[in-house]
Structure formats: C-alpha cells, structure tokens
Amino acid sequence: VDSLKIPYIAPSFGGVESVVNQPAIMSYWDLPRSEREKYRIYDNTVRFCFGVEDYEDLKDDILQALEVI
C-alpha cells in the first residue's frame, strides 16, 4: 500500500479519485480481530477503489508496488 503512488491512502471520499485503504486499521480499528474476521475483514485485507485515472497508469502503479513486496 505504501508503495503505491497514484491512489490516496484514505477511506472513500465519495469522489472520482482512486483510493486504497486497509479496513482493519482504518475503518474497523475499534473492533477486536475476532469480530472483524466474522465479517471477513482480515489484517491483510486491502480495498482498492478505482477512480477516473488512466487504467494503464493505475495498472503500472499496482505492478510496481507488488514488486516491492
């Protein structure tokens, strides 16, 4: 997530820009792990919301970020 350059790291703004977040630590941080897992929200869950940016740019950004892992 930290290696992505295009999307904002944030909960959804309801806008047109791409955003990425980790629900377990951003939206559901106050629930115990056992409760989050009931809803299939795991510590390694990543939510990516595609915006209006160029598809090829987003694809290239995701691929370069995966190379860092």
N, C-alpha and C. Protein backbone atom coordinates (compact mmCIF):
# COMPACT_ATOMS: atom_id res chain seq x y z
N VAL A 1 0.83 -1.20 0.00
CA VAL A 1 0.00 0.00 0.00
C VAL A 1 0.87 1.25 0.00
N ASP A 2 1.88 1.26 0.83
CA ASP A 2 2.73 2.45 0.93
C ASP A 2 3.53 2.71 -0.34
N SER A 3 3.71 1.71 -1.17
CA SER A 3 4.49 1.89 -2.40
C SER A 3 3.67 2.41 -3.58
N LEU A 4 2.36 2.46 -3.41
CA LEU A 4 1.53 3.00 -4.49
C LEU A 4 1.73 4.50 -4.58
N LYS A 5 1.73 5.02 -5.80
CA LYS A 5 1.97 6.45 -6.00
C LYS A 5 0.72 7.22 -6.40
N ILE A 6 -0.21 6.58 -7.10
CA ILE A 6 -1.38 7.29 -7.62
C ILE A 6 -2.53 7.40 -6.62
N PRO A 7 -3.01 6.30 -6.06
CA PRO A 7 -4.19 6.45 -5.20
C PRO A 7 -3.85 7.10 -3.87
N TYR A 8 -4.85 7.76 -3.32
CA TYR A 8 -4.74 8.29 -1.97
C TYR A 8 -4.88 7.12 -1.00
N ILE A 9 -4.14 7.14 0.09
CA ILE A 9 -4.34 6.16 1.15
C ILE A 9 -5.33 6.79 2.11
N ALA A 10 -6.59 6.36 1.99
CA ALA A 10 -7.66 7.01 2.75
C ALA A 10 -8.93 6.20 2.61
N PRO A 11 -9.88 6.40 3.52
CA PRO A 11 -11.21 5.82 3.29
C PRO A 11 -11.83 6.52 2.08
N SER A 12 -12.87 5.96 1.54
CA SER A 12 -13.50 6.54 0.36
C SER A 12 -14.00 7.96 0.63
N PHE A 13 -13.67 8.85 -0.29
CA PHE A 13 -14.14 10.23 -0.19
C PHE A 13 -15.49 10.40 -0.88
N GLY A 14 -15.92 9.38 -1.62
CA GLY A 14 -17.13 9.51 -2.41
C GLY A 14 -16.89 10.31 -3.68
N GLY A 15 -15.62 10.46 -4.04
CA GLY A 15 -15.26 11.25 -5.21
C GLY A 15 -14.88 10.38 -6.38
N VAL A 16 -14.12 10.95 -7.30
CA VAL A 16 -13.75 10.24 -8.52
C VAL A 16 -12.30 9.77 -8.53
N GLU A 17 -11.55 10.08 -7.48
CA GLU A 17 -10.14 9.70 -7.43
C GLU A 17 -9.99 8.28 -6.89
N SER A 18 -8.90 7.63 -7.28
CA SER A 18 -8.61 6.29 -6.77
C SER A 18 -8.14 6.38 -5.33
N VAL A 19 -8.64 5.46 -4.52
CA VAL A 19 -8.22 5.39 -3.12
C VAL A 19 -7.94 3.94 -2.76
N VAL A 20 -7.05 3.76 -1.81
CA VAL A 20 -6.72 2.44 -1.30
C VAL A 20 -6.69 2.54 0.22
N ASN A 21 -7.19 1.50 0.88
CA ASN A 21 -7.12 1.50 2.33
C ASN A 21 -7.08 0.08 2.87
N GLN A 22 -6.72 0.00 4.13
CA GLN A 22 -6.71 -1.27 4.85
C GLN A 22 -7.80 -1.17 5.91
N PRO A 23 -8.98 -1.74 5.62
CA PRO A 23 -10.12 -1.58 6.51
C PRO A 23 -9.86 -1.97 7.97
N ALA A 24 -9.04 -2.98 8.20
CA ALA A 24 -8.80 -3.44 9.57
C ALA A 24 -8.16 -2.36 10.44
N ILE A 25 -7.37 -1.48 9.82
CA ILE A 25 -6.70 -0.45 10.63
C ILE A 25 -7.24 0.95 10.39
N MET A 26 -8.12 1.10 9.40
CA MET A 26 -8.64 2.44 9.11
C MET A 26 -10.11 2.59 9.50
N SER A 27 -10.94 1.66 9.08
CA SER A 27 -12.38 1.78 9.32
C SER A 27 -12.86 0.95 10.51
N TYR A 28 -12.20 -0.17 10.76
CA TYR A 28 -12.67 -1.09 11.80
C TYR A 28 -11.64 -1.31 12.89
N TRP A 29 -10.80 -0.32 13.13
CA TRP A 29 -9.73 -0.42 14.12
C TRP A 29 -10.26 -0.67 15.52
N ASP A 30 -11.51 -0.26 15.78
CA ASP A 30 -12.05 -0.36 17.14
C ASP A 30 -12.70 -1.71 17.42
N LEU A 31 -12.79 -2.59 16.41
CA LEU A 31 -13.36 -3.91 16.63
C LEU A 31 -12.24 -4.91 16.91
N PRO A 32 -12.48 -5.83 17.82
CA PRO A 32 -11.47 -6.87 18.04
C PRO A 32 -11.29 -7.73 16.78
N ARG A 33 -10.13 -8.29 16.63
CA ARG A 33 -9.84 -9.11 15.45
C ARG A 33 -10.89 -10.19 15.24
N SER A 34 -11.31 -10.86 16.28
CA SER A 34 -12.30 -11.93 16.14
C SER A 34 -13.62 -11.41 15.56
N GLU A 35 -14.02 -10.22 15.93
CA GLU A 35 -15.24 -9.61 15.40
C GLU A 35 -15.07 -9.23 13.92
N ARG A 36 -13.91 -8.64 13.58
CA ARG A 36 -13.65 -8.29 12.18
C ARG A 36 -13.65 -9.53 11.30
N GLU A 37 -13.07 -10.60 11.79
CA GLU A 37 -12.97 -11.81 10.98
C GLU A 37 -14.33 -12.44 10.72
N LYS A 38 -15.31 -12.20 11.58
CA LYS A 38 -16.68 -12.67 11.31
C LYS A 38 -17.20 -12.06 10.01
N TYR A 39 -16.76 -10.85 9.72
CA TYR A 39 -17.19 -10.13 8.52
C TYR A 39 -16.16 -10.24 7.39
N ARG A 40 -15.19 -11.16 7.58
CA ARG A 40 -14.12 -11.40 6.61
C ARG A 40 -13.28 -10.16 6.35
N ILE A 41 -13.05 -9.40 7.39
CA ILE A 41 -12.14 -8.26 7.33
C ILE A 41 -10.89 -8.68 8.08
N TYR A 42 -9.86 -9.05 7.32
CA TYR A 42 -8.63 -9.56 7.91
C TYR A 42 -7.58 -8.46 7.96
N ASP A 43 -6.55 -8.67 8.73
CA ASP A 43 -5.49 -7.67 8.86
C ASP A 43 -4.81 -7.38 7.53
N ASN A 44 -4.81 -8.34 6.62
CA ASN A 44 -4.14 -8.14 5.33
C ASN A 44 -5.11 -7.77 4.20
N THR A 45 -6.36 -7.46 4.53
CA THR A 45 -7.33 -7.03 3.52
C THR A 45 -6.99 -5.64 3.02
N VAL A 46 -6.96 -5.49 1.71
CA VAL A 46 -6.71 -4.19 1.09
C VAL A 46 -7.89 -3.88 0.17
N ARG A 47 -8.44 -2.69 0.31
CA ARG A 47 -9.55 -2.25 -0.54
C ARG A 47 -9.03 -1.20 -1.50
N PHE A 48 -9.20 -1.45 -2.79
CA PHE A 48 -8.75 -0.51 -3.82
C PHE A 48 -9.97 -0.06 -4.58
N CYS A 49 -10.23 1.23 -4.59
CA CYS A 49 -11.35 1.81 -5.34
C CYS A 49 -10.78 2.54 -6.54
N PHE A 50 -11.07 2.04 -7.72
CA PHE A 50 -10.55 2.65 -8.94
C PHE A 50 -11.30 3.92 -9.27
N GLY A 51 -10.56 4.94 -9.61
CA GLY A 51 -11.14 6.22 -9.98
C GLY A 51 -11.04 6.45 -11.48
N VAL A 52 -11.00 7.71 -11.85
CA VAL A 52 -11.01 8.09 -13.26
C VAL A 52 -9.62 8.19 -13.88
N GLU A 53 -8.59 7.89 -13.12
CA GLU A 53 -7.24 7.95 -13.67
C GLU A 53 -7.09 6.93 -14.80
N ASP A 54 -6.11 7.13 -15.63
CA ASP A 54 -5.86 6.24 -16.76
C ASP A 54 -5.61 4.81 -16.27
N TYR A 55 -6.30 3.86 -16.89
CA TYR A 55 -6.18 2.45 -16.50
C TYR A 55 -4.73 1.96 -16.55
N GLU A 56 -4.03 2.28 -17.61
CA GLU A 56 -2.65 1.81 -17.76
C GLU A 56 -1.76 2.39 -16.66
N ASP A 57 -1.98 3.64 -16.29
CA ASP A 57 -1.20 4.25 -15.21
C ASP A 57 -1.46 3.53 -13.88
N LEU A 58 -2.74 3.23 -13.62
CA LEU A 58 -3.08 2.51 -12.38
C LEU A 58 -2.48 1.11 -12.38
N LYS A 59 -2.61 0.42 -13.51
CA LYS A 59 -2.05 -0.93 -13.62
C LYS A 59 -0.55 -0.92 -13.38
N ASP A 60 0.15 0.00 -14.03
CA ASP A 60 1.60 0.09 -13.86
C ASP A 60 1.97 0.40 -12.41
N ASP A 61 1.19 1.26 -11.77
CA ASP A 61 1.46 1.61 -10.38
C ASP A 61 1.28 0.40 -9.47
N ILE A 62 0.22 -0.35 -9.69
CA ILE A 62 -0.03 -1.55 -8.88
C ILE A 62 1.09 -2.57 -9.09
N LEU A 63 1.48 -2.77 -10.33
CA LEU A 63 2.55 -3.74 -10.62
C LEU A 63 3.87 -3.33 -9.98
N GLN A 64 4.22 -2.05 -10.03
CA GLN A 64 5.48 -1.63 -9.40
C GLN A 64 5.41 -1.78 -7.89
N ALA A 65 4.23 -1.56 -7.31
CA ALA A 65 4.09 -1.72 -5.85
C ALA A 65 4.21 -3.19 -5.46
N LEU A 66 3.68 -4.08 -6.28
CA LEU A 66 3.79 -5.51 -5.98
C LEU A 66 5.24 -6.00 -6.06
N GLU A 67 6.04 -5.37 -6.88
CA GLU A 67 7.46 -5.73 -6.98
C GLU A 67 8.20 -5.45 -5.67
N VAL A 68 7.70 -4.52 -4.89
CA VAL A 68 8.35 -4.14 -3.63
C VAL A 68 8.12 -5.20 -2.55
N ILE A 69 7.03 -5.93 -2.67
CA ILE A 69 6.68 -6.93 -1.64
C ILE A 69 7.70 -8.04 -1.60
